[in-house]
Amino acid sequence: MKHSILSFAAIMLLAGPSEVAWPQDADASREQVEAARQMVREGARQFIDDELLMTDEEAAKFWPLYDEYRAEVIAVEDEYVDLIRDFLRKYDAYALTDADADAMTDRFFDIKIRVLQARQKFLPRFREVLPGMKVMRMYQLENKVQAEIDATLALLVPLADPS
């Protein structure tokens, strides 16, 4: 996997939303963020393709289902990006309150649960098109990609300051 591409893209995901990072042109900012997100998607897809070791027949059944799966997961992950953007805006403006923190924490857990539910929802369908070991491997690969993104975000997103 091209770790540097995914790390760069994760950085771009965060750089775009902050008015401090992109104050001049909101449209250009949105375009850069979307380009970075597309880079993450393409990098993850290529990683899955390279590492899943599917036959042509398996791939023909897998990719349409995977695209459907990713669309559902991405819809929820979009909310996570929005949550990070909201946090960074308030953090940068020194405007984060306890009420904001409570609401954001609730949103965080709701999003994480919904991503897990979407991933679990597709498990039986993946089992219909791939053998069990490849299904497990696909989810392991997905976890590796997400861990890379999460590690980058952990380094970039500042901790809430209770002082």
N, C-alpha and C. Protein backbone atom coordinates (compact mmCIF):
# COMPACT_ATOMS: atom_id res chain seq x y z
N MET A 1 0.86 -1.18 0.00
CA MET A 1 0.00 0.00 0.00
C MET A 1 0.89 1.23 0.00
N LYS A 2 0.42 2.23 -0.66
CA LYS A 2 1.16 3.48 -0.72
C LYS A 2 0.78 4.32 0.49
N HIS A 3 1.51 4.08 1.58
CA HIS A 3 1.18 4.75 2.84
C HIS A 3 1.26 6.27 2.70
N SER A 4 2.26 6.75 1.97
CA SER A 4 2.43 8.19 1.87
C SER A 4 1.25 8.85 1.18
N ILE A 5 0.65 8.18 0.19
CA ILE A 5 -0.51 8.75 -0.49
C ILE A 5 -1.68 8.84 0.47
N LEU A 6 -1.93 7.78 1.21
CA LEU A 6 -3.05 7.80 2.16
C LEU A 6 -2.80 8.81 3.26
N SER A 7 -1.57 8.91 3.76
CA SER A 7 -1.27 9.89 4.80
C SER A 7 -1.44 11.30 4.27
N PHE A 8 -0.92 11.55 3.06
CA PHE A 8 -1.08 12.87 2.45
C PHE A 8 -2.56 13.21 2.29
N ALA A 9 -3.32 12.25 1.81
CA ALA A 9 -4.74 12.49 1.59
C ALA A 9 -5.46 12.76 2.92
N ALA A 10 -5.07 12.03 3.96
CA ALA A 10 -5.69 12.30 5.27
C ALA A 10 -5.35 13.70 5.75
N ILE A 11 -4.13 14.14 5.50
CA ILE A 11 -3.75 15.50 5.86
C ILE A 11 -4.61 16.49 5.09
N MET A 12 -4.81 16.25 3.81
CA MET A 12 -5.62 17.14 2.99
C MET A 12 -7.07 17.17 3.46
N LEU A 13 -7.56 16.04 3.95
CA LEU A 13 -8.93 16.01 4.46
C LEU A 13 -9.10 17.00 5.59
N LEU A 14 -8.06 17.13 6.40
CA LEU A 14 -8.15 18.05 7.52
C LEU A 14 -7.74 19.46 7.15
N ALA A 15 -6.80 19.58 6.27
CA ALA A 15 -6.32 20.91 5.91
C ALA A 15 -7.43 21.71 5.25
N GLY A 16 -8.22 21.08 4.43
CA GLY A 16 -9.26 21.77 3.70
C GLY A 16 -10.30 22.44 4.56
N PRO A 17 -10.80 21.79 5.61
CA PRO A 17 -11.90 22.38 6.34
C PRO A 17 -11.54 23.57 7.19
N SER A 18 -10.32 23.68 7.58
CA SER A 18 -9.95 24.75 8.50
C SER A 18 -9.81 26.07 7.76
N GLU A 19 -10.52 27.05 8.22
CA GLU A 19 -10.41 28.37 7.60
C GLU A 19 -9.00 28.93 7.75
N VAL A 20 -8.28 28.47 8.76
CA VAL A 20 -6.89 28.89 8.93
C VAL A 20 -6.04 28.35 7.79
N ALA A 21 -6.31 27.11 7.38
CA ALA A 21 -5.50 26.48 6.35
C ALA A 21 -5.85 26.99 4.95
N TRP A 22 -7.11 27.25 4.68
CA TRP A 22 -7.55 27.63 3.34
C TRP A 22 -8.46 28.85 3.41
N PRO A 23 -7.94 30.00 3.81
CA PRO A 23 -8.83 31.14 4.03
C PRO A 23 -9.30 31.82 2.76
N GLN A 24 -8.57 31.68 1.66
CA GLN A 24 -8.82 32.52 0.50
C GLN A 24 -10.01 32.08 -0.34
N ASP A 25 -10.10 30.80 -0.66
CA ASP A 25 -11.05 30.36 -1.67
C ASP A 25 -11.76 29.09 -1.21
N ALA A 26 -12.98 29.23 -0.74
CA ALA A 26 -13.73 28.07 -0.23
C ALA A 26 -13.98 27.04 -1.31
N ASP A 27 -14.24 27.49 -2.56
CA ASP A 27 -14.48 26.54 -3.65
C ASP A 27 -13.22 25.72 -3.93
N ALA A 28 -12.08 26.37 -3.97
CA ALA A 28 -10.82 25.66 -4.19
C ALA A 28 -10.56 24.69 -3.04
N SER A 29 -10.88 25.11 -1.83
CA SER A 29 -10.71 24.26 -0.67
C SER A 29 -11.54 22.99 -0.81
N ARG A 30 -12.81 23.15 -1.16
CA ARG A 30 -13.68 21.99 -1.35
C ARG A 30 -13.14 21.06 -2.43
N GLU A 31 -12.64 21.65 -3.51
CA GLU A 31 -12.07 20.84 -4.60
C GLU A 31 -10.84 20.07 -4.12
N GLN A 32 -9.99 20.72 -3.34
CA GLN A 32 -8.79 20.05 -2.83
C GLN A 32 -9.16 18.92 -1.87
N VAL A 33 -10.12 19.19 -1.01
CA VAL A 33 -10.56 18.15 -0.08
C VAL A 33 -11.15 16.98 -0.85
N GLU A 34 -11.99 17.26 -1.81
CA GLU A 34 -12.59 16.17 -2.59
C GLU A 34 -11.53 15.40 -3.38
N ALA A 35 -10.54 16.09 -3.91
CA ALA A 35 -9.45 15.41 -4.62
C ALA A 35 -8.69 14.49 -3.67
N ALA A 36 -8.44 14.97 -2.46
CA ALA A 36 -7.75 14.14 -1.47
C ALA A 36 -8.58 12.93 -1.09
N ARG A 37 -9.86 13.14 -0.92
CA ARG A 37 -10.74 12.02 -0.55
C ARG A 37 -10.79 10.99 -1.68
N GLN A 38 -10.81 11.47 -2.91
CA GLN A 38 -10.80 10.56 -4.05
C GLN A 38 -9.49 9.78 -4.08
N MET A 39 -8.39 10.44 -3.73
CA MET A 39 -7.09 9.77 -3.69
C MET A 39 -7.11 8.64 -2.65
N VAL A 40 -7.70 8.91 -1.50
CA VAL A 40 -7.81 7.88 -0.47
C VAL A 40 -8.63 6.71 -1.00
N ARG A 41 -9.76 7.00 -1.62
CA ARG A 41 -10.63 5.94 -2.14
C ARG A 41 -9.91 5.10 -3.19
N GLU A 42 -9.24 5.76 -4.11
CA GLU A 42 -8.53 5.04 -5.17
C GLU A 42 -7.37 4.24 -4.61
N GLY A 43 -6.63 4.82 -3.67
CA GLY A 43 -5.52 4.10 -3.06
C GLY A 43 -5.99 2.88 -2.30
N ALA A 44 -7.07 3.03 -1.57
CA ALA A 44 -7.63 1.90 -0.82
C ALA A 44 -8.13 0.82 -1.77
N ARG A 45 -8.79 1.23 -2.83
CA ARG A 45 -9.31 0.26 -3.80
C ARG A 45 -8.16 -0.51 -4.45
N GLN A 46 -7.11 0.20 -4.83
CA GLN A 46 -5.95 -0.46 -5.45
C GLN A 46 -5.30 -1.42 -4.46
N PHE A 47 -5.20 -1.01 -3.21
CA PHE A 47 -4.64 -1.86 -2.17
C PHE A 47 -5.46 -3.13 -2.03
N ILE A 48 -6.78 -2.99 -1.96
CA ILE A 48 -7.66 -4.16 -1.87
C ILE A 48 -7.46 -5.06 -3.09
N ASP A 49 -7.44 -4.47 -4.27
CA ASP A 49 -7.28 -5.24 -5.51
C ASP A 49 -5.96 -5.99 -5.52
N ASP A 50 -4.89 -5.33 -5.11
CA ASP A 50 -3.56 -5.96 -5.10
C ASP A 50 -3.46 -7.08 -4.08
N GLU A 51 -4.11 -6.93 -2.95
CA GLU A 51 -3.90 -7.84 -1.82
C GLU A 51 -4.97 -8.91 -1.61
N LEU A 52 -6.10 -8.77 -2.26
CA LEU A 52 -7.20 -9.71 -1.98
C LEU A 52 -7.03 -11.05 -2.71
N LEU A 53 -6.25 -11.07 -3.77
CA LEU A 53 -5.91 -12.31 -4.47
C LEU A 53 -7.14 -13.04 -5.01
N MET A 54 -7.98 -12.30 -5.70
CA MET A 54 -9.21 -12.88 -6.26
C MET A 54 -8.98 -13.46 -7.65
N THR A 55 -9.79 -14.44 -7.97
CA THR A 55 -9.85 -14.92 -9.34
C THR A 55 -10.64 -13.90 -10.16
N ASP A 56 -10.58 -14.01 -11.48
CA ASP A 56 -11.36 -13.11 -12.33
C ASP A 56 -12.85 -13.25 -12.05
N GLU A 57 -13.30 -14.48 -11.84
CA GLU A 57 -14.72 -14.73 -11.56
C GLU A 57 -15.13 -14.10 -10.23
N GLU A 58 -14.29 -14.24 -9.20
CA GLU A 58 -14.58 -13.63 -7.91
C GLU A 58 -14.60 -12.11 -8.02
N ALA A 59 -13.64 -11.56 -8.74
CA ALA A 59 -13.54 -10.11 -8.90
C ALA A 59 -14.77 -9.55 -9.60
N ALA A 60 -15.28 -10.26 -10.58
CA ALA A 60 -16.45 -9.80 -11.32
C ALA A 60 -17.67 -9.68 -10.41
N LYS A 61 -17.77 -10.55 -9.44
CA LYS A 61 -18.88 -10.49 -8.49
C LYS A 61 -18.60 -9.53 -7.34
N PHE A 62 -17.33 -9.46 -6.96
CA PHE A 62 -16.95 -8.68 -5.78
C PHE A 62 -17.04 -7.18 -6.01
N TRP A 63 -16.49 -6.66 -7.10
CA TRP A 63 -16.35 -5.22 -7.25
C TRP A 63 -17.67 -4.45 -7.27
N PRO A 64 -18.69 -4.93 -7.93
CA PRO A 64 -19.96 -4.18 -7.84
C PRO A 64 -20.50 -4.13 -6.40
N LEU A 65 -20.36 -5.24 -5.68
CA LEU A 65 -20.80 -5.28 -4.29
C LEU A 65 -19.92 -4.37 -3.43
N TYR A 66 -18.63 -4.41 -3.65
CA TYR A 66 -17.70 -3.56 -2.89
C TYR A 66 -18.01 -2.08 -3.12
N ASP A 67 -18.31 -1.72 -4.36
CA ASP A 67 -18.65 -0.33 -4.67
C ASP A 67 -19.92 0.10 -3.93
N GLU A 68 -20.89 -0.79 -3.86
CA GLU A 68 -22.12 -0.50 -3.11
C GLU A 68 -21.81 -0.34 -1.61
N TYR A 69 -21.01 -1.25 -1.11
CA TYR A 69 -20.58 -1.21 0.29
C TYR A 69 -19.84 0.09 0.61
N ARG A 70 -18.86 0.44 -0.22
CA ARG A 70 -18.07 1.65 0.03
C ARG A 70 -18.95 2.90 -0.04
N ALA A 71 -19.92 2.91 -0.96
CA ALA A 71 -20.81 4.07 -1.05
C ALA A 71 -21.56 4.27 0.26
N GLU A 72 -22.02 3.18 0.85
CA GLU A 72 -22.75 3.29 2.11
C GLU A 72 -21.82 3.71 3.26
N VAL A 73 -20.65 3.13 3.30
CA VAL A 73 -19.70 3.49 4.36
C VAL A 73 -19.23 4.93 4.19
N ILE A 74 -18.95 5.33 2.96
CA ILE A 74 -18.48 6.69 2.69
C ILE A 74 -19.52 7.72 3.12
N ALA A 75 -20.80 7.41 2.90
CA ALA A 75 -21.85 8.35 3.30
C ALA A 75 -21.77 8.64 4.80
N VAL A 76 -21.48 7.63 5.59
CA VAL A 76 -21.35 7.83 7.04
C VAL A 76 -20.01 8.49 7.36
N GLU A 77 -18.95 8.07 6.68
CA GLU A 77 -17.64 8.66 6.92
C GLU A 77 -17.62 10.15 6.58
N ASP A 78 -18.44 10.56 5.63
CA ASP A 78 -18.56 11.98 5.31
C ASP A 78 -18.97 12.77 6.55
N GLU A 79 -19.82 12.18 7.36
CA GLU A 79 -20.25 12.83 8.59
C GLU A 79 -19.08 12.96 9.58
N TYR A 80 -18.17 11.99 9.55
CA TYR A 80 -16.99 12.05 10.41
C TYR A 80 -16.08 13.21 9.98
N VAL A 81 -15.92 13.36 8.68
CA VAL A 81 -15.12 14.49 8.17
C VAL A 81 -15.77 15.80 8.60
N ASP A 82 -17.09 15.88 8.50
CA ASP A 82 -17.79 17.08 8.95
C ASP A 82 -17.58 17.33 10.45
N LEU A 83 -17.61 16.27 11.22
CA LEU A 83 -17.38 16.39 12.67
C LEU A 83 -15.98 16.95 12.94
N ILE A 84 -14.99 16.42 12.25
CA ILE A 84 -13.62 16.92 12.44
C ILE A 84 -13.54 18.39 12.02
N ARG A 85 -14.17 18.72 10.92
CA ARG A 85 -14.19 20.11 10.47
C ARG A 85 -14.81 21.02 11.54
N ASP A 86 -15.95 20.59 12.08
CA ASP A 86 -16.62 21.38 13.12
C ASP A 86 -15.71 21.56 14.33
N PHE A 87 -15.08 20.49 14.75
CA PHE A 87 -14.17 20.57 15.90
C PHE A 87 -13.03 21.55 15.61
N LEU A 88 -12.40 21.43 14.44
CA LEU A 88 -11.26 22.29 14.12
C LEU A 88 -11.67 23.76 14.04
N ARG A 89 -12.85 24.02 13.47
CA ARG A 89 -13.32 25.41 13.41
C ARG A 89 -13.46 26.00 14.81
N LYS A 90 -14.11 25.25 15.68
CA LYS A 90 -14.32 25.74 17.04
C LYS A 90 -13.00 25.80 17.81
N TYR A 91 -12.17 24.80 17.62
CA TYR A 91 -10.87 24.78 18.29
C TYR A 91 -10.03 25.98 17.86
N ASP A 92 -9.94 26.20 16.54
CA ASP A 92 -9.14 27.31 16.01
C ASP A 92 -9.67 28.67 16.46
N ALA A 93 -10.98 28.76 16.67
CA ALA A 93 -11.59 30.02 17.09
C ALA A 93 -11.65 30.15 18.62
N TYR A 94 -11.08 29.19 19.34
CA TYR A 94 -11.15 29.16 20.80
C TYR A 94 -12.61 29.25 21.27
N ALA A 95 -13.48 28.55 20.56
CA ALA A 95 -14.92 28.65 20.85
C ALA A 95 -15.54 27.30 21.24
N LEU A 96 -14.72 26.31 21.57
CA LEU A 96 -15.23 25.00 21.93
C LEU A 96 -15.72 25.02 23.37
N THR A 97 -16.99 24.68 23.55
CA THR A 97 -17.59 24.67 24.89
C THR A 97 -17.79 23.23 25.36
N ASP A 98 -18.14 23.09 26.62
CA ASP A 98 -18.46 21.76 27.14
C ASP A 98 -19.67 21.17 26.41
N ALA A 99 -20.65 22.00 26.11
CA ALA A 99 -21.82 21.53 25.37
C ALA A 99 -21.42 21.05 23.98
N ASP A 100 -20.53 21.79 23.31
CA ASP A 100 -20.01 21.35 22.01
C ASP A 100 -19.31 20.01 22.15
N ALA A 101 -18.47 19.89 23.17
CA ALA A 101 -17.72 18.66 23.40
C ALA A 101 -18.66 17.48 23.61
N ASP A 102 -19.72 17.69 24.40
CA ASP A 102 -20.69 16.62 24.62
C ASP A 102 -21.37 16.21 23.32
N ALA A 103 -21.81 17.19 22.56
CA ALA A 103 -22.50 16.90 21.30
C ALA A 103 -21.55 16.22 20.31
N MET A 104 -20.32 16.67 20.24
CA MET A 104 -19.35 16.09 19.31
C MET A 104 -18.98 14.67 19.71
N THR A 105 -18.85 14.43 21.00
CA THR A 105 -18.56 13.08 21.47
C THR A 105 -19.70 12.14 21.13
N ASP A 106 -20.94 12.60 21.34
CA ASP A 106 -22.10 11.79 20.96
C ASP A 106 -22.11 11.50 19.46
N ARG A 107 -21.83 12.53 18.65
CA ARG A 107 -21.77 12.35 17.19
C ARG A 107 -20.69 11.34 16.82
N PHE A 108 -19.53 11.45 17.47
CA PHE A 108 -18.42 10.55 17.19
C PHE A 108 -18.84 9.09 17.38
N PHE A 109 -19.45 8.78 18.53
CA PHE A 109 -19.85 7.40 18.79
C PHE A 109 -20.96 6.95 17.85
N ASP A 110 -21.90 7.83 17.55
CA ASP A 110 -22.96 7.49 16.61
C ASP A 110 -22.37 7.13 15.24
N ILE A 111 -21.42 7.92 14.78
CA ILE A 111 -20.79 7.67 13.48
C ILE A 111 -20.03 6.35 13.50
N LYS A 112 -19.24 6.11 14.52
CA LYS A 112 -18.47 4.87 14.61
C LYS A 112 -19.39 3.65 14.62
N ILE A 113 -20.48 3.74 15.35
CA ILE A 113 -21.45 2.63 15.40
C ILE A 113 -22.07 2.40 14.03
N ARG A 114 -22.44 3.49 13.36
CA ARG A 114 -23.08 3.35 12.05
C ARG A 114 -22.13 2.83 10.98
N VAL A 115 -20.85 3.18 11.06
CA VAL A 115 -19.87 2.61 10.13
C VAL A 115 -19.77 1.11 10.37
N LEU A 116 -19.67 0.72 11.63
CA LEU A 116 -19.59 -0.70 11.96
C LEU A 116 -20.85 -1.44 11.50
N GLN A 117 -22.01 -0.85 11.69
CA GLN A 117 -23.26 -1.47 11.25
C GLN A 117 -23.28 -1.65 9.72
N ALA A 118 -22.80 -0.66 9.00
CA ALA A 118 -22.74 -0.78 7.53
C ALA A 118 -21.78 -1.88 7.12
N ARG A 119 -20.63 -1.94 7.77
CA ARG A 119 -19.65 -2.98 7.45
C ARG A 119 -20.24 -4.37 7.75
N GLN A 120 -20.92 -4.48 8.86
CA GLN A 120 -21.50 -5.76 9.25
C GLN A 120 -22.67 -6.15 8.33
N LYS A 121 -23.43 -5.17 7.92
CA LYS A 121 -24.58 -5.42 7.03
C LYS A 121 -24.15 -6.14 5.74
N PHE A 122 -22.97 -5.80 5.24
CA PHE A 122 -22.52 -6.38 3.98
C PHE A 122 -21.82 -7.72 4.14
N LEU A 123 -21.50 -8.11 5.36
CA LEU A 123 -20.78 -9.36 5.59
C LEU A 123 -21.46 -10.57 4.93
N PRO A 124 -22.75 -10.79 5.13
CA PRO A 124 -23.37 -11.96 4.48
C PRO A 124 -23.29 -11.89 2.94
N ARG A 125 -23.38 -10.70 2.41
CA ARG A 125 -23.33 -10.55 0.96
C ARG A 125 -21.93 -10.82 0.41
N PHE A 126 -20.91 -10.38 1.16
CA PHE A 126 -19.54 -10.70 0.73
C PHE A 126 -19.30 -12.20 0.80
N ARG A 127 -19.89 -12.84 1.80
CA ARG A 127 -19.74 -14.30 1.92
C ARG A 127 -20.39 -15.04 0.76
N GLU A 128 -21.35 -14.41 0.11
CA GLU A 128 -21.99 -15.03 -1.05
C GLU A 128 -21.09 -15.01 -2.28
N VAL A 129 -20.14 -14.08 -2.34
CA VAL A 129 -19.31 -13.94 -3.55
C VAL A 129 -17.85 -14.32 -3.34
N LEU A 130 -17.41 -14.47 -2.09
CA LEU A 130 -16.03 -14.84 -1.81
C LEU A 130 -15.98 -15.91 -0.73
N PRO A 131 -14.94 -16.74 -0.77
CA PRO A 131 -14.77 -17.71 0.33
C PRO A 131 -14.42 -16.98 1.63
N GLY A 132 -14.66 -17.66 2.73
CA GLY A 132 -14.48 -17.06 4.06
C GLY A 132 -13.12 -16.42 4.30
N MET A 133 -12.04 -17.06 3.86
CA MET A 133 -10.70 -16.50 4.08
C MET A 133 -10.53 -15.17 3.34
N LYS A 134 -11.10 -15.07 2.16
CA LYS A 134 -10.96 -13.83 1.40
C LYS A 134 -11.85 -12.74 1.98
N VAL A 135 -12.99 -13.11 2.51
CA VAL A 135 -13.85 -12.12 3.17
C VAL A 135 -13.11 -11.57 4.40
N MET A 136 -12.54 -12.48 5.18
CA MET A 136 -11.77 -12.04 6.35
C MET A 136 -10.62 -11.13 5.91
N ARG A 137 -9.91 -11.55 4.88
CA ARG A 137 -8.77 -10.76 4.39
C ARG A 137 -9.23 -9.37 3.93
N MET A 138 -10.38 -9.30 3.25
CA MET A 138 -10.89 -8.01 2.78
C MET A 138 -11.15 -7.08 3.96
N TYR A 139 -11.78 -7.59 5.00
CA TYR A 139 -12.04 -6.75 6.18
C TYR A 139 -10.74 -6.40 6.89
N GLN A 140 -9.76 -7.31 6.91
CA GLN A 140 -8.47 -6.98 7.49
C GLN A 140 -7.79 -5.86 6.70
N LEU A 141 -7.87 -5.93 5.38
CA LEU A 141 -7.29 -4.89 4.53
C LEU A 141 -8.00 -3.56 4.77
N GLU A 142 -9.31 -3.60 4.86
CA GLU A 142 -10.07 -2.38 5.17
C GLU A 142 -9.62 -1.79 6.50
N ASN A 143 -9.41 -2.65 7.49
CA ASN A 143 -8.96 -2.19 8.81
C ASN A 143 -7.57 -1.57 8.73
N LYS A 144 -6.70 -2.13 7.92
CA LYS A 144 -5.36 -1.56 7.77
C LYS A 144 -5.42 -0.16 7.16
N VAL A 145 -6.23 0.00 6.14
CA VAL A 145 -6.38 1.32 5.52
C VAL A 145 -6.93 2.31 6.55
N GLN A 146 -7.97 1.89 7.27
CA GLN A 146 -8.57 2.78 8.26
C GLN A 146 -7.60 3.11 9.38
N ALA A 147 -6.79 2.14 9.79
CA ALA A 147 -5.80 2.38 10.84
C ALA A 147 -4.78 3.42 10.39
N GLU A 148 -4.38 3.36 9.14
CA GLU A 148 -3.43 4.34 8.60
C GLU A 148 -4.05 5.75 8.66
N ILE A 149 -5.28 5.85 8.23
CA ILE A 149 -5.96 7.15 8.25
C ILE A 149 -6.15 7.63 9.69
N ASP A 150 -6.59 6.72 10.56
CA ASP A 150 -6.80 7.09 11.97
C ASP A 150 -5.50 7.53 12.63
N ALA A 151 -4.39 6.85 12.32
CA ALA A 151 -3.10 7.23 12.90
C ALA A 151 -2.70 8.63 12.45
N THR A 152 -2.93 8.92 11.19
CA THR A 152 -2.60 10.26 10.68
C THR A 152 -3.48 11.31 11.34
N LEU A 153 -4.77 11.01 11.46
CA LEU A 153 -5.67 11.95 12.11
C LEU A 153 -5.29 12.17 13.57
N ALA A 154 -4.87 11.10 14.25
CA ALA A 154 -4.49 11.22 15.65
C ALA A 154 -3.31 12.17 15.82
N LEU A 155 -2.44 12.21 14.84
CA LEU A 155 -1.30 13.13 14.91
C LEU A 155 -1.69 14.55 14.56
N LEU A 156 -2.71 14.72 13.75
CA LEU A 156 -3.06 16.03 13.23
C LEU A 156 -4.12 16.77 14.03
N VAL A 157 -5.06 16.03 14.58
CA VAL A 157 -6.17 16.68 15.28
C VAL A 157 -5.73 16.96 16.72
N PRO A 158 -5.77 18.21 17.13
CA PRO A 158 -5.35 18.54 18.49
C PRO A 158 -6.36 18.02 19.52
N LEU A 159 -5.86 17.82 20.72
CA LEU A 159 -6.73 17.42 21.82
C LEU A 159 -7.53 18.63 22.29
N ALA A 160 -8.75 18.37 22.71
CA ALA A 160 -9.56 19.43 23.30
C ALA A 160 -8.83 19.96 24.52
N ASP A 161 -8.87 21.26 24.69
CA ASP A 161 -8.17 21.91 25.79
C ASP A 161 -9.17 22.33 26.87
N PRO A 162 -9.18 21.60 27.99
CA PRO A 162 -10.16 21.90 29.04
C PRO A 162 -9.80 23.12 29.88
N SER A 163 -8.66 23.74 29.64
CA SER A 163 -8.26 24.86 30.50
C SER A 163 -8.95 26.15 30.14
